[in-house]
N, C-alpha and C. Protein backbone atom coordinates (compact mmCIF):
# COMPACT_ATOMS: atom_id res chain seq x y z
N MET A 1 -53.71 69.88 225.17
CA MET A 1 -53.04 70.41 223.99
C MET A 1 -52.11 71.53 224.44
N SER A 2 -50.92 71.54 223.92
CA SER A 2 -49.94 72.53 224.33
C SER A 2 -50.16 73.84 223.59
N LYS A 3 -49.59 74.88 224.15
CA LYS A 3 -49.72 76.21 223.57
C LYS A 3 -48.95 76.31 222.26
N ARG A 4 -49.53 76.99 221.28
CA ARG A 4 -48.90 77.17 219.97
C ARG A 4 -47.70 78.10 220.13
N GLN A 5 -46.59 77.72 219.54
CA GLN A 5 -45.37 78.50 219.60
C GLN A 5 -45.17 79.23 218.27
N THR A 6 -45.06 80.54 218.32
CA THR A 6 -44.72 81.29 217.11
C THR A 6 -43.43 82.05 217.37
N ARG A 7 -42.57 82.03 216.40
CA ARG A 7 -41.29 82.70 216.54
C ARG A 7 -41.36 84.09 215.91
N ARG A 8 -40.34 84.87 216.18
CA ARG A 8 -40.27 86.21 215.60
C ARG A 8 -40.23 86.15 214.09
N ARG A 9 -39.68 85.07 213.57
CA ARG A 9 -39.58 84.93 212.11
C ARG A 9 -40.97 84.97 211.47
N PHE A 10 -41.95 84.32 212.09
CA PHE A 10 -43.32 84.34 211.57
C PHE A 10 -43.83 85.77 211.47
N TRP A 11 -43.64 86.54 212.56
CA TRP A 11 -44.16 87.90 212.58
C TRP A 11 -43.42 88.78 211.58
N ALA A 12 -42.12 88.58 211.42
CA ALA A 12 -41.36 89.36 210.44
C ALA A 12 -41.83 89.05 209.02
N GLU A 13 -41.98 87.76 208.70
CA GLU A 13 -42.43 87.38 207.37
C GLU A 13 -43.85 87.87 207.11
N ASN A 14 -44.70 87.78 208.10
CA ASN A 14 -46.07 88.22 207.95
C ASN A 14 -46.13 89.73 207.74
N GLY A 15 -45.38 90.49 208.53
CA GLY A 15 -45.37 91.94 208.40
C GLY A 15 -44.81 92.40 207.07
N LEU A 16 -43.73 91.77 206.62
CA LEU A 16 -43.15 92.13 205.33
C LEU A 16 -44.07 91.75 204.18
N ALA A 17 -44.80 90.65 204.33
CA ALA A 17 -45.77 90.26 203.29
C ALA A 17 -46.88 91.31 203.18
N VAL A 18 -47.36 91.80 204.30
CA VAL A 18 -48.39 92.84 204.29
C VAL A 18 -47.83 94.12 203.66
N LEU A 19 -46.60 94.47 204.00
CA LEU A 19 -45.97 95.65 203.43
C LEU A 19 -45.81 95.54 201.91
N ALA A 20 -45.37 94.38 201.44
CA ALA A 20 -45.21 94.17 200.00
C ALA A 20 -46.56 94.17 199.29
N ALA A 21 -47.57 93.59 199.91
CA ALA A 21 -48.91 93.59 199.30
C ALA A 21 -49.46 95.01 199.24
N THR A 22 -49.19 95.80 200.26
CA THR A 22 -49.63 97.20 200.26
C THR A 22 -48.93 97.98 199.16
N LEU A 23 -47.64 97.74 198.97
CA LEU A 23 -46.90 98.39 197.88
C LEU A 23 -47.45 97.99 196.52
N ALA A 24 -47.77 96.71 196.36
CA ALA A 24 -48.34 96.26 195.08
C ALA A 24 -49.69 96.91 194.83
N LEU A 25 -50.52 96.98 195.85
CA LEU A 25 -51.83 97.60 195.70
C LEU A 25 -51.70 99.09 195.42
N ALA A 26 -50.77 99.75 196.10
CA ALA A 26 -50.56 101.18 195.86
C ALA A 26 -50.07 101.42 194.44
N SER A 27 -49.25 100.51 193.93
CA SER A 27 -48.77 100.65 192.55
C SER A 27 -49.89 100.47 191.54
N LEU A 28 -50.87 99.66 191.87
CA LEU A 28 -52.02 99.50 190.97
C LEU A 28 -52.94 100.71 191.02
N VAL A 29 -53.15 101.25 192.22
CA VAL A 29 -54.07 102.37 192.38
C VAL A 29 -53.46 103.67 191.87
N GLN A 30 -52.19 103.93 192.22
CA GLN A 30 -51.52 105.17 191.83
C GLN A 30 -50.18 104.83 191.19
N PRO A 31 -50.17 104.47 189.90
CA PRO A 31 -48.93 104.02 189.26
C PRO A 31 -47.86 105.10 189.10
N GLU A 32 -48.22 106.37 189.18
CA GLU A 32 -47.24 107.44 188.98
C GLU A 32 -46.43 107.74 190.24
N TRP A 33 -46.58 106.95 191.29
CA TRP A 33 -45.87 107.24 192.54
C TRP A 33 -44.36 107.09 192.37
N VAL A 34 -43.91 106.25 191.43
CA VAL A 34 -42.48 106.08 191.22
C VAL A 34 -41.86 107.39 190.72
N GLU A 35 -42.51 108.03 189.76
CA GLU A 35 -42.02 109.30 189.26
C GLU A 35 -42.05 110.37 190.34
N ALA A 36 -43.12 110.37 191.14
CA ALA A 36 -43.23 111.37 192.20
C ALA A 36 -42.18 111.15 193.28
N ALA A 37 -41.91 109.91 193.64
CA ALA A 37 -40.95 109.62 194.71
C ALA A 37 -39.51 109.85 194.26
N LEU A 38 -39.18 109.46 193.04
CA LEU A 38 -37.81 109.58 192.55
C LEU A 38 -37.52 110.93 191.90
N GLY A 39 -38.55 111.61 191.45
CA GLY A 39 -38.36 112.89 190.79
C GLY A 39 -37.88 112.78 189.36
N LEU A 40 -37.94 111.58 188.78
CA LEU A 40 -37.56 111.40 187.38
C LEU A 40 -38.43 110.32 186.76
N ASP A 41 -38.36 110.22 185.45
CA ASP A 41 -39.19 109.27 184.72
C ASP A 41 -38.29 108.19 184.13
N PRO A 42 -38.07 107.07 184.84
CA PRO A 42 -37.10 106.06 184.40
C PRO A 42 -37.53 105.29 183.15
N ASP A 43 -38.82 105.23 182.85
CA ASP A 43 -39.28 104.44 181.71
C ASP A 43 -39.84 105.31 180.58
N ALA A 44 -39.62 106.60 180.66
CA ALA A 44 -40.06 107.56 179.63
C ALA A 44 -41.57 107.48 179.38
N GLY A 45 -42.32 107.26 180.45
CA GLY A 45 -43.78 107.27 180.34
C GLY A 45 -44.43 105.99 179.88
N SER A 46 -43.67 104.93 179.68
CA SER A 46 -44.27 103.69 179.18
C SER A 46 -45.01 102.89 180.26
N GLY A 47 -44.66 103.11 181.52
CA GLY A 47 -45.31 102.37 182.60
C GLY A 47 -44.65 101.04 182.92
N ALA A 48 -43.55 100.73 182.27
CA ALA A 48 -42.88 99.45 182.49
C ALA A 48 -42.33 99.32 183.90
N VAL A 49 -41.77 100.40 184.44
CA VAL A 49 -41.23 100.35 185.80
C VAL A 49 -42.35 100.11 186.81
N GLU A 50 -43.47 100.77 186.60
CA GLU A 50 -44.60 100.60 187.52
C GLU A 50 -45.11 99.15 187.51
N TRP A 51 -45.21 98.57 186.33
CA TRP A 51 -45.65 97.18 186.25
C TRP A 51 -44.62 96.23 186.85
N ALA A 52 -43.35 96.54 186.65
CA ALA A 52 -42.29 95.71 187.24
C ALA A 52 -42.36 95.76 188.76
N VAL A 53 -42.57 96.95 189.31
CA VAL A 53 -42.69 97.10 190.76
C VAL A 53 -43.91 96.34 191.27
N THR A 54 -45.02 96.45 190.57
CA THR A 54 -46.25 95.76 190.98
C THR A 54 -46.07 94.25 190.96
N ILE A 55 -45.51 93.73 189.89
CA ILE A 55 -45.32 92.28 189.76
C ILE A 55 -44.32 91.76 190.80
N LEU A 56 -43.23 92.49 190.98
CA LEU A 56 -42.21 92.08 191.94
C LEU A 56 -42.76 92.13 193.37
N ALA A 57 -43.47 93.18 193.71
CA ALA A 57 -44.04 93.31 195.05
C ALA A 57 -45.08 92.21 195.30
N THR A 58 -45.87 91.88 194.30
CA THR A 58 -46.86 90.80 194.45
C THR A 58 -46.16 89.46 194.65
N ALA A 59 -45.13 89.20 193.89
CA ALA A 59 -44.39 87.94 194.04
C ALA A 59 -43.74 87.84 195.42
N ILE A 60 -43.16 88.93 195.88
CA ILE A 60 -42.53 88.94 197.20
C ILE A 60 -43.58 88.74 198.29
N ALA A 61 -44.74 89.39 198.15
CA ALA A 61 -45.82 89.24 199.13
C ALA A 61 -46.30 87.79 199.20
N LEU A 62 -46.47 87.17 198.04
CA LEU A 62 -46.93 85.77 198.02
C LEU A 62 -45.88 84.84 198.63
N LEU A 63 -44.63 85.05 198.31
CA LEU A 63 -43.56 84.22 198.86
C LEU A 63 -43.47 84.37 200.38
N LEU A 64 -43.50 85.59 200.86
CA LEU A 64 -43.41 85.81 202.30
C LEU A 64 -44.64 85.29 203.03
N ALA A 65 -45.81 85.41 202.43
CA ALA A 65 -47.02 84.86 203.05
C ALA A 65 -46.93 83.34 203.14
N TRP A 66 -46.41 82.71 202.11
CA TRP A 66 -46.24 81.25 202.13
C TRP A 66 -45.22 80.85 203.20
N LEU A 67 -44.11 81.58 203.29
CA LEU A 67 -43.11 81.27 204.31
C LEU A 67 -43.67 81.48 205.72
N ALA A 68 -44.48 82.51 205.90
CA ALA A 68 -45.10 82.74 207.21
C ALA A 68 -46.05 81.59 207.55
N ARG A 69 -46.78 81.10 206.57
CA ARG A 69 -47.68 79.96 206.82
C ARG A 69 -46.89 78.72 207.21
N VAL A 70 -45.79 78.46 206.51
CA VAL A 70 -44.94 77.31 206.86
C VAL A 70 -44.43 77.45 208.28
N GLU A 71 -43.99 78.65 208.65
CA GLU A 71 -43.50 78.89 210.01
C GLU A 71 -44.60 78.68 211.03
N TRP A 72 -45.82 79.09 210.70
CA TRP A 72 -46.96 78.91 211.60
C TRP A 72 -47.23 77.42 211.81
N ILE A 73 -47.22 76.66 210.72
CA ILE A 73 -47.47 75.22 210.81
C ILE A 73 -46.36 74.53 211.60
N LEU A 74 -45.11 74.90 211.34
CA LEU A 74 -44.00 74.30 212.07
C LEU A 74 -44.07 74.63 213.55
N GLY A 75 -44.53 75.80 213.90
CA GLY A 75 -44.72 76.16 215.31
C GLY A 75 -45.76 75.28 215.97
N ARG A 76 -46.84 74.98 215.26
CA ARG A 76 -47.88 74.12 215.82
C ARG A 76 -47.39 72.69 215.97
N VAL A 77 -46.70 72.18 214.94
CA VAL A 77 -46.20 70.81 214.98
C VAL A 77 -45.13 70.68 216.06
N GLY A 78 -44.25 71.68 216.14
CA GLY A 78 -43.18 71.64 217.13
C GLY A 78 -43.72 71.61 218.55
N SER A 79 -44.75 72.41 218.84
CA SER A 79 -45.31 72.41 220.18
C SER A 79 -46.03 71.09 220.47
N LYS A 80 -46.62 70.47 219.45
CA LYS A 80 -47.27 69.17 219.63
C LYS A 80 -46.25 68.10 219.95
N ILE A 81 -45.10 68.10 219.24
CA ILE A 81 -44.06 67.10 219.48
C ILE A 81 -43.47 67.30 220.87
N GLU A 82 -43.23 68.56 221.28
CA GLU A 82 -42.69 68.81 222.61
C GLU A 82 -43.66 68.34 223.68
N GLY A 83 -44.95 68.52 223.44
CA GLY A 83 -45.95 68.03 224.40
C GLY A 83 -45.95 66.52 224.47
N ASP A 84 -45.82 65.84 223.34
CA ASP A 84 -45.75 64.38 223.32
C ASP A 84 -44.51 63.87 224.03
N LEU A 85 -43.39 64.55 223.85
CA LEU A 85 -42.16 64.12 224.51
C LEU A 85 -42.30 64.22 226.02
N GLY A 86 -42.98 65.24 226.49
CA GLY A 86 -43.17 65.40 227.92
C GLY A 86 -44.06 64.31 228.50
N ARG A 87 -45.07 63.88 227.78
CA ARG A 87 -45.99 62.85 228.28
C ARG A 87 -45.39 61.46 228.20
N ASN A 88 -44.46 61.23 227.27
CA ASN A 88 -43.90 59.90 227.09
C ASN A 88 -42.58 59.71 227.83
N GLY A 89 -42.31 60.55 228.80
CA GLY A 89 -41.08 60.39 229.56
C GLY A 89 -39.83 60.75 228.78
N GLY A 90 -39.94 61.63 227.80
CA GLY A 90 -38.77 62.08 227.06
C GLY A 90 -38.45 61.24 225.84
N THR A 91 -39.23 60.21 225.54
CA THR A 91 -38.97 59.41 224.35
C THR A 91 -40.14 59.54 223.42
N ARG A 92 -39.86 59.60 222.17
CA ARG A 92 -40.91 59.69 221.15
C ARG A 92 -41.18 58.29 220.65
N ARG A 93 -42.42 57.87 220.73
CA ARG A 93 -42.79 56.53 220.27
C ARG A 93 -43.60 56.65 219.00
N PHE A 94 -43.18 55.92 218.00
CA PHE A 94 -43.88 55.96 216.72
C PHE A 94 -44.62 54.64 216.51
N ASN A 95 -45.75 54.74 215.90
CA ASN A 95 -46.56 53.57 215.60
C ASN A 95 -46.04 52.93 214.30
N ASP A 96 -45.98 51.62 214.25
CA ASP A 96 -45.48 50.94 213.07
C ASP A 96 -46.53 50.82 211.97
N GLU A 97 -47.75 51.24 212.25
CA GLU A 97 -48.82 51.13 211.25
C GLU A 97 -48.59 52.17 210.15
N PRO A 98 -48.94 51.82 208.92
CA PRO A 98 -48.80 52.80 207.84
C PRO A 98 -49.81 53.93 208.01
N TRP A 99 -49.51 55.04 207.34
CA TRP A 99 -50.42 56.20 207.40
C TRP A 99 -51.77 55.82 206.81
N LYS A 100 -52.80 56.29 207.41
CA LYS A 100 -54.17 55.99 206.94
C LYS A 100 -54.77 57.21 206.33
């Protein structure tokens, strides 16, 4: 079995997903951080901005985690195909049987 190949894209997506998830969790634990960081109250105390940040950060974290998983799977499949090409003399042979 050939070595799994991971690209920088996987690590970038994974790191950004963790960062977005941390931001979402921080927004749930301490919702007033937006006012403290910006020095103003953009939603006049209603909490709408905090919920928007939490929902957006969660959506971004989920999307980036999914993209990182796809990249991980493609890295495994790509290394498998490259290994098969090396064993078959540079040609990929496909079986005519239907998928089982």
